[in-house]
Amino acid sequence: MTRNRMPFPGISFLLADRGGLVLLAVLAASAVLVPVLNLLIDPGSALHVPTYMVSLLGKYLTFALLALSVDLIWGYCGILSLGHGAFFALGGYAMGMHLMRQIGERSVYGNPELPDFMVFLNWKELPWYWYGFDNFAFAAVMVVAVPGVLAFVFGWFAFRSRVTGVYLSIITQAMTYALMLAFFRNDMGFGGNNGLTDFKDILGFNLQSDGMRSALFASSAMALAISYAHCRFIVSSRLGRVLVAVRDAENRTRFLGYRVEYYMLFVFVVSAMLAGLAGALYVPQVGIINPSEFTPANSIEIVIWVAVGGRGRLYGAVLGAILINYAKTFFTGALPEVWLFLLGGMFIATTLFLPRGIVGLRPSLSFLKRKPRAPGAAE
């Protein structure tokens, strides 16, 4: 007898994921359709997508990538990180430093080397840790390297010491709070309370142009699609099965001979690098990065996105991030006095009635489908 084989064995991990395939199809279509509707359709047409909406949608996609990184460790390995906002902010600062170096003599003070805030604070020379950020390739490496190194050092000590559960959540939150306090200091060389802003261009293209805004949106969509496929490959592999075993029974997995701390460290570093990438895509689209991105409340909100969308379903995290941030944008404009209560009520309702998140509605509605009758069964 011949075995049934998948037509494309190299991508079988995607073909078995229907929700993921829908997500990838939507992202691919959006990466093409949104720029076309923005650049080629007349602004007076109902089909035209304004530039501000392109930037807003791009920001939602970066948040979706951030939620994806959290779901990779929380949904599949049981690591509840309340400090992922730190990795997001570090990636954003790395990109912001590059954008600041590109301003040059067009700055307010006209200094070709020093950013305006350094001139204002009477800095005499550029700090050593700013060297190299005038090169885009170097900055792109730092976007993922800096969060990755921090996650490796943090995870190495935490996981080898078997710090898990609520204790790990607390120290991750302490980490991001400490970084927030450090980046608020003017003598750190990152702009202090004001952060980095007034960016001009990237790769020689004006950041304020419609074409660049559309290109950043398309880049965010492609980055999210590639990152989703990467995460799906991890969780569908043997490594992913070990991660689920760690989540469900860490001590038993350790007893079977697996070096649990190595698996946790690997996925934690990958997740931090994805969060850094999200931050790097976020900064040129919003035009600023400051220490408020390190606020512990931001990291807690990321966890809420994942919980509302559906923990343990990668596309659920993406859906939750986009829906909640869209709701926040809508409510702050339509109902500014009560939007916090509406969002809070949505979170509470999800916890009480949708413990598996929005994507958990699909199995719960299966009673609406007529089940096939077994052969030979009586009417």
Protein backbone atom coordinates (compact mmCIF):
# COMPACT_ATOMS: atom_id res chain seq x y z
CA MET A 1 0.00 0.00 0.00
CA THR A 2 1.21 3.52 -0.74
CA ARG A 3 1.18 6.15 1.95
CA ASN A 4 -0.73 9.38 1.53
CA ARG A 5 1.83 12.18 1.28
CA MET A 6 1.41 15.89 1.49
CA PRO A 7 1.77 17.51 -1.96
CA PHE A 8 4.33 19.99 -0.58
CA PRO A 9 6.09 18.32 2.35
CA GLY A 10 8.29 21.35 3.00
CA ILE A 11 5.28 23.51 3.91
CA SER A 12 3.05 20.87 5.46
CA PHE A 13 3.20 22.73 8.77
CA LEU A 14 1.35 25.60 7.07
CA LEU A 15 -1.09 23.54 5.03
CA ALA A 16 -2.43 21.97 8.21
CA ASP A 17 -3.10 25.41 9.72
CA ARG A 18 -6.29 26.74 8.14
CA GLY A 19 -6.49 29.84 10.30
CA GLY A 20 -2.88 30.63 9.52
CA LEU A 21 -3.44 30.22 5.79
CA VAL A 22 -6.31 32.70 5.94
CA LEU A 23 -4.13 35.13 7.85
CA LEU A 24 -1.26 34.81 5.37
CA ALA A 25 -3.64 35.31 2.45
CA VAL A 26 -5.09 38.46 4.04
CA LEU A 27 -1.61 39.84 4.75
CA ALA A 28 -0.44 39.16 1.20
CA ALA A 29 -3.52 40.82 -0.26
CA SER A 30 -3.23 43.79 2.10
CA ALA A 31 0.45 44.32 1.26
CA VAL A 32 -0.58 44.88 -2.36
CA LEU A 33 -4.09 46.28 -2.13
CA VAL A 34 -3.64 48.98 0.52
CA PRO A 35 -0.68 50.70 -1.23
CA VAL A 36 -2.54 50.55 -4.55
CA LEU A 37 -5.67 52.12 -3.04
CA ASN A 38 -3.54 54.79 -1.43
CA LEU A 39 -1.25 55.70 -4.32
CA LEU A 40 -3.25 55.00 -7.47
CA ILE A 41 -6.86 55.78 -6.54
CA ASP A 42 -8.10 59.35 -6.70
CA PRO A 43 -8.44 60.90 -3.20
CA GLY A 44 -12.04 61.81 -3.98
CA SER A 45 -12.98 58.18 -4.57
CA ALA A 46 -14.69 56.09 -1.90
CA LEU A 47 -12.08 53.38 -2.50
CA HIS A 48 -9.16 55.66 -1.66
CA VAL A 49 -7.24 54.77 1.52
CA PRO A 50 -5.82 57.97 3.07
CA THR A 51 -2.19 58.08 4.13
CA TYR A 52 -3.00 58.46 7.83
CA MET A 53 -5.00 55.23 7.65
CA VAL A 54 -2.07 53.45 5.99
CA SER A 55 0.18 54.47 8.89
CA LEU A 56 -2.46 53.46 11.42
CA LEU A 57 -2.90 50.02 9.85
CA GLY A 58 0.87 49.62 9.74
CA LYS A 59 1.04 50.36 13.45
CA TYR A 60 -1.59 47.70 14.10
CA LEU A 61 0.52 45.16 12.20
CA THR A 62 3.56 45.93 14.34
CA PHE A 63 1.45 45.37 17.45
CA ALA A 64 0.25 42.09 15.94
CA LEU A 65 3.87 41.00 15.47
CA LEU A 66 4.54 41.91 19.10
CA ALA A 67 1.55 39.85 20.26
CA LEU A 68 2.75 36.96 18.11
CA SER A 69 6.10 37.00 19.92
CA VAL A 70 4.36 36.80 23.31
CA ASP A 71 2.05 33.98 22.23
CA LEU A 72 5.06 31.95 21.09
CA ILE A 73 6.40 31.76 24.64
CA TRP A 74 3.20 32.01 26.68
CA GLY A 75 0.84 29.97 24.57
CA TYR A 76 3.27 27.16 23.71
CA CYS A 77 5.85 27.16 26.52
CA GLY A 78 3.96 28.60 29.47
CA ILE A 79 6.37 31.54 29.96
CA LEU A 80 4.26 34.52 30.99
CA SER A 81 6.48 37.52 30.28
CA LEU A 82 5.33 40.88 31.58
CA GLY A 83 8.39 42.63 30.20
CA HIS A 84 8.18 42.17 26.45
CA GLY A 85 7.59 45.86 26.05
CA ALA A 86 11.29 46.27 26.88
CA PHE A 87 12.40 44.21 23.87
CA PHE A 88 9.94 46.11 21.68
CA ALA A 89 11.32 49.45 22.90
CA LEU A 90 14.96 48.40 22.48
CA GLY A 91 14.32 47.47 18.86
CA GLY A 92 12.58 50.81 18.41
CA TYR A 93 15.48 52.73 19.93
CA ALA A 94 17.95 50.93 17.65
CA MET A 95 15.97 52.05 14.61
CA GLY A 96 15.46 55.51 16.08
CA MET A 97 19.21 55.95 16.55
CA HIS A 98 19.75 55.19 12.88
CA LEU A 99 17.06 57.64 11.83
CA MET A 100 18.59 60.32 14.06
CA ARG A 101 22.00 59.82 12.46
CA GLN A 102 20.41 60.36 9.05
CA ILE A 103 19.22 63.87 9.94
CA GLY A 104 22.72 65.37 9.90
CA GLU A 105 22.90 69.09 9.11
CA ARG A 106 19.13 69.31 8.65
CA SER A 107 18.70 69.31 12.44
CA VAL A 108 17.69 72.42 14.37
CA TYR A 109 21.26 73.13 15.49
CA GLY A 110 22.80 72.02 12.20
CA ASN A 111 25.37 69.69 13.81
CA PRO A 112 26.32 66.96 11.30
CA GLU A 113 27.27 64.44 14.01
CA LEU A 114 25.37 65.14 17.23
CA PRO A 115 21.57 64.90 17.53
CA ASP A 116 19.82 68.05 18.72
CA PHE A 117 19.30 66.84 22.28
CA MET A 118 23.03 66.20 22.67
CA VAL A 119 23.86 69.69 21.40
CA PHE A 120 21.30 71.16 23.81
CA LEU A 121 22.88 69.25 26.72
CA ASN A 122 26.39 70.41 25.69
CA TRP A 123 27.69 66.98 24.71
CA LYS A 124 31.07 67.38 23.03
CA GLU A 125 31.23 64.14 21.09
CA LEU A 126 29.07 61.24 20.05
CA PRO A 127 28.95 58.39 22.62
CA TRP A 128 30.69 55.19 21.59
CA TYR A 129 27.44 53.19 21.59
CA TRP A 130 26.09 55.44 18.82
CA TYR A 131 28.91 54.47 16.46
CA GLY A 132 27.83 52.45 13.45
CA PHE A 133 24.19 53.50 13.54
CA ASP A 134 24.70 55.73 10.54
CA ASN A 135 24.76 52.45 8.55
CA PHE A 136 21.37 50.84 7.93
CA ALA A 137 22.73 47.28 7.84
CA PHE A 138 24.39 47.74 11.23
CA ALA A 139 21.20 49.20 12.69
CA ALA A 140 19.14 46.33 11.27
CA VAL A 141 21.40 43.83 13.02
CA MET A 142 21.18 45.75 16.30
CA VAL A 143 17.39 45.78 16.06
CA VAL A 144 17.32 42.04 16.78
CA ALA A 145 20.75 41.58 18.39
CA VAL A 146 20.24 43.93 21.35
CA PRO A 147 16.89 42.43 22.47
CA GLY A 148 18.26 38.95 21.74
CA VAL A 149 21.37 39.43 23.88
CA LEU A 150 19.36 40.89 26.75
CA ALA A 151 16.89 37.99 26.57
CA PHE A 152 19.76 35.48 26.48
CA VAL A 153 21.48 36.94 29.55
CA PHE A 154 18.22 37.32 31.45
CA GLY A 155 16.93 33.89 30.47
CA TRP A 156 20.24 32.16 31.15
CA PHE A 157 20.18 33.12 34.81
CA ALA A 158 16.41 32.85 35.26
CA PHE A 159 15.84 29.46 33.64
CA ARG A 160 18.99 27.84 35.06
CA SER A 161 17.79 28.95 38.48
CA ARG A 162 14.39 27.41 37.66
CA VAL A 163 12.54 30.67 38.15
CA THR A 164 9.11 30.09 36.65
CA GLY A 165 5.48 31.03 37.07
CA VAL A 166 4.50 34.24 38.81
CA TYR A 167 8.07 34.83 40.01
CA LEU A 168 9.34 34.97 36.43
CA SER A 169 6.51 37.34 35.50
CA ILE A 170 7.45 39.66 38.35
CA ILE A 171 11.15 39.84 37.51
CA THR A 172 10.41 40.46 33.81
CA GLN A 173 8.24 43.36 34.86
CA ALA A 174 10.99 44.60 37.16
CA MET A 175 13.41 44.44 34.23
CA THR A 176 11.31 46.66 31.99
CA TYR A 177 10.65 49.09 34.85
CA ALA A 178 14.38 49.40 35.53
CA LEU A 179 15.04 50.09 31.85
CA MET A 180 12.31 52.72 31.82
CA LEU A 181 13.95 54.56 34.73
CA ALA A 182 17.36 54.34 33.05
CA PHE A 183 16.16 55.67 29.70
CA PHE A 184 14.44 58.60 31.39
CA ARG A 185 17.86 59.91 32.47
CA ASN A 186 19.36 62.59 30.22
CA ASP A 187 22.89 61.33 30.80
CA MET A 188 22.06 57.96 29.23
CA GLY A 189 22.35 59.54 25.79
CA PHE A 190 18.95 58.49 24.43
CA GLY A 191 17.04 61.76 24.61
CA GLY A 192 15.73 61.41 28.15
CA ASN A 193 12.04 62.04 28.64
CA ASN A 194 11.56 63.32 25.08
CA GLY A 195 13.20 60.33 23.44
CA LEU A 196 14.08 60.35 19.75
CA THR A 197 11.95 62.13 17.16
CA ASP A 198 11.92 64.55 14.21
CA PHE A 199 13.02 61.83 11.78
CA LYS A 200 13.53 62.90 8.18
CA ASP A 201 14.13 59.92 5.91
CA ILE A 202 15.14 56.27 5.71
CA LEU A 203 17.37 54.81 3.00
CA GLY A 204 17.26 58.21 1.30
CA PHE A 205 13.45 58.34 1.04
CA ASN A 206 11.29 60.91 2.77
CA LEU A 207 9.44 59.33 5.69
CA GLN A 208 6.49 61.70 5.24
CA SER A 209 5.83 60.79 1.60
CA ASP A 210 2.85 58.66 0.65
CA GLY A 211 5.07 56.17 -1.12
CA MET A 212 7.28 55.62 1.94
CA ARG A 213 4.25 55.19 4.19
CA SER A 214 2.86 52.54 1.88
CA ALA A 215 6.25 50.84 1.67
CA LEU A 216 6.47 50.70 5.47
CA PHE A 217 2.97 49.21 5.65
CA ALA A 218 3.87 46.56 3.08
CA SER A 219 7.11 45.82 4.96
CA SER A 220 5.16 45.37 8.20
CA ALA A 221 2.71 43.00 6.51
CA MET A 222 5.53 40.92 5.00
CA ALA A 223 7.46 40.86 8.27
CA LEU A 224 4.36 39.65 10.10
CA ALA A 225 3.70 36.95 7.49
CA ILE A 226 7.30 35.67 7.54
CA SER A 227 7.41 35.76 11.34
CA TYR A 228 4.13 33.87 11.55
CA ALA A 229 5.44 31.16 9.24
CA HIS A 230 8.63 30.97 11.31
CA CYS A 231 6.69 30.61 14.57
CA ARG A 232 4.35 28.03 13.03
CA PHE A 233 7.37 26.02 11.90
CA ILE A 234 8.77 26.06 15.43
CA VAL A 235 5.58 24.99 17.18
CA SER A 236 4.84 22.30 14.57
CA SER A 237 8.27 20.68 14.85
CA ARG A 238 9.61 18.26 17.44
CA LEU A 239 10.95 21.27 19.28
CA GLY A 240 7.43 22.62 19.48
CA ARG A 241 6.14 19.37 20.98
CA VAL A 242 8.80 19.58 23.67
CA LEU A 243 7.80 23.19 24.37
CA VAL A 244 4.16 22.11 24.86
CA ALA A 245 5.36 19.34 27.17
CA VAL A 246 7.28 21.91 29.19
CA ARG A 247 4.17 24.06 29.38
CA ASP A 248 1.95 21.21 30.56
CA ALA A 249 4.36 19.28 32.79
CA GLU A 250 7.76 20.87 33.21
CA ASN A 251 9.01 18.54 35.96
CA ARG A 252 7.94 15.43 34.07
CA THR A 253 9.64 16.67 30.91
CA ARG A 254 12.81 17.33 32.89
CA PHE A 255 12.58 13.83 34.41
CA LEU A 256 12.47 12.34 30.89
CA GLY A 257 15.94 13.74 30.25
CA TYR A 258 15.24 16.98 28.39
CA ARG A 259 17.30 20.05 29.29
CA VAL A 260 14.23 22.15 29.80
CA GLU A 261 16.14 25.38 30.43
CA TYR A 262 17.76 25.22 26.98
CA TYR A 263 14.41 24.89 25.22
CA MET A 264 12.96 27.75 27.25
CA LEU A 265 16.01 29.92 26.62
CA PHE A 266 15.89 29.32 22.87
CA VAL A 267 12.25 30.24 22.44
CA PHE A 268 12.60 33.21 24.81
CA VAL A 269 15.44 34.67 22.71
CA VAL A 270 13.54 34.12 19.45
CA SER A 271 10.49 35.83 20.94
CA ALA A 272 12.58 38.82 22.08
CA MET A 273 14.10 39.22 18.62
CA LEU A 274 10.63 39.24 17.04
CA ALA A 275 9.55 41.90 19.53
CA GLY A 276 12.60 43.99 18.61
CA LEU A 277 11.71 43.71 14.93
CA ALA A 278 8.18 44.90 15.72
CA GLY A 279 9.62 47.93 17.53
CA ALA A 280 11.88 48.78 14.60
CA LEU A 281 8.92 48.78 12.20
CA TYR A 282 6.81 50.76 14.65
CA VAL A 283 9.14 53.76 15.09
CA PRO A 284 9.33 55.11 11.51
CA GLN A 285 5.55 54.85 11.18
CA VAL A 286 4.69 56.76 14.36
CA GLY A 287 7.70 59.10 14.20
CA ILE A 288 8.85 58.87 17.82
CA ILE A 289 10.30 56.53 20.44
CA ASN A 290 10.56 57.49 24.11
CA PRO A 291 10.85 55.78 27.52
CA SER A 292 7.07 55.49 27.88
CA GLU A 293 7.30 52.40 25.67
CA PHE A 294 9.05 50.68 28.61
CA THR A 295 6.07 51.26 30.90
CA PRO A 296 5.08 47.96 32.59
CA ALA A 297 1.43 48.65 31.74
CA ASN A 298 2.29 48.32 28.04
CA SER A 299 3.70 44.83 28.59
CA ILE A 300 0.58 43.82 30.52
CA GLU A 301 -1.59 45.10 27.69
CA ILE A 302 0.26 42.84 25.24
CA VAL A 303 -0.72 39.83 27.33
CA ILE A 304 -4.34 41.01 27.21
CA TRP A 305 -4.19 41.13 23.40
CA VAL A 306 -3.08 37.51 23.33
CA ALA A 307 -5.67 36.40 25.88
CA VAL A 308 -8.55 38.09 24.06
CA GLY A 309 -7.48 36.77 20.67
CA GLY A 310 -6.76 33.25 21.86
CA ARG A 311 -3.69 32.00 23.67
CA GLY A 312 -1.95 29.06 22.02
CA ARG A 313 -3.30 29.98 18.58
CA LEU A 314 -0.76 32.15 16.81
CA TYR A 315 -3.34 33.72 14.51
CA GLY A 316 -5.48 34.39 17.58
CA ALA A 317 -2.78 36.64 19.02
CA VAL A 318 -2.62 38.57 15.74
CA LEU A 319 -6.40 38.94 15.64
CA GLY A 320 -6.58 40.07 19.26
CA ALA A 321 -3.91 42.74 18.83
CA ILE A 322 -5.55 44.23 15.74
CA LEU A 323 -9.10 44.18 17.13
CA ILE A 324 -8.24 45.67 20.51
CA ASN A 325 -6.10 48.45 19.08
CA TYR A 326 -8.75 49.27 16.51
CA ALA A 327 -11.36 49.37 19.29
CA LYS A 328 -9.10 51.65 21.31
CA THR A 329 -8.73 54.02 18.35
CA PHE A 330 -12.48 54.02 17.69
CA PHE A 331 -13.59 54.47 21.29
CA THR A 332 -11.11 57.27 22.04
CA GLY A 333 -12.63 59.24 19.18
CA ALA A 334 -16.31 58.29 19.46
CA LEU A 335 -16.66 57.92 23.24
CA PRO A 336 -13.65 59.58 24.88
CA GLU A 337 -15.28 59.72 28.34
CA VAL A 338 -16.15 56.04 28.64
CA TRP A 339 -13.74 54.21 26.34
CA LEU A 340 -11.68 52.83 29.25
CA PHE A 341 -14.83 51.31 30.77
CA LEU A 342 -15.81 49.77 27.44
CA LEU A 343 -12.41 48.20 26.93
CA GLY A 344 -12.33 46.99 30.52
CA GLY A 345 -15.77 45.44 30.10
CA MET A 346 -14.61 43.68 26.95
CA PHE A 347 -11.63 42.19 28.77
CA ILE A 348 -13.79 41.00 31.66
CA ALA A 349 -16.37 39.50 29.31
CA THR A 350 -13.64 37.64 27.46
CA THR A 351 -12.26 36.21 30.71
CA LEU A 352 -15.70 35.07 31.90
CA PHE A 353 -17.30 33.84 28.71
CA LEU A 354 -14.43 33.24 26.26
CA PRO A 355 -11.60 31.60 28.22
CA ARG A 356 -10.10 30.40 24.94
CA GLY A 357 -10.34 33.81 23.34
CA ILE A 358 -12.13 34.93 20.22
CA VAL A 359 -10.79 32.09 18.11
CA GLY A 360 -12.23 29.65 20.66
CA LEU A 361 -15.70 30.55 19.38
CA ARG A 362 -15.24 28.30 16.35
CA PRO A 363 -15.32 24.94 18.17
CA SER A 364 -18.06 26.16 20.51
CA LEU A 365 -20.36 26.74 17.54
CA SER A 366 -19.90 23.23 16.19
CA PHE A 367 -23.37 22.24 17.44
CA LEU A 368 -24.79 24.31 14.58
CA LYS A 369 -23.30 21.90 12.08
CA ARG A 370 -25.11 18.69 11.24
CA LYS A 371 -22.98 15.73 12.17
CA PRO A 372 -22.67 12.97 9.53
CA ARG A 373 -24.60 9.77 10.31
CA ALA A 374 -22.65 6.59 10.62
CA PRO A 375 -23.14 4.09 7.77
CA GLY A 376 -26.05 1.79 8.50
CA ALA A 377 -27.38 3.88 11.37
CA ALA A 378 -31.16 4.01 11.78
CA GLU A 379 -33.06 7.14 10.86
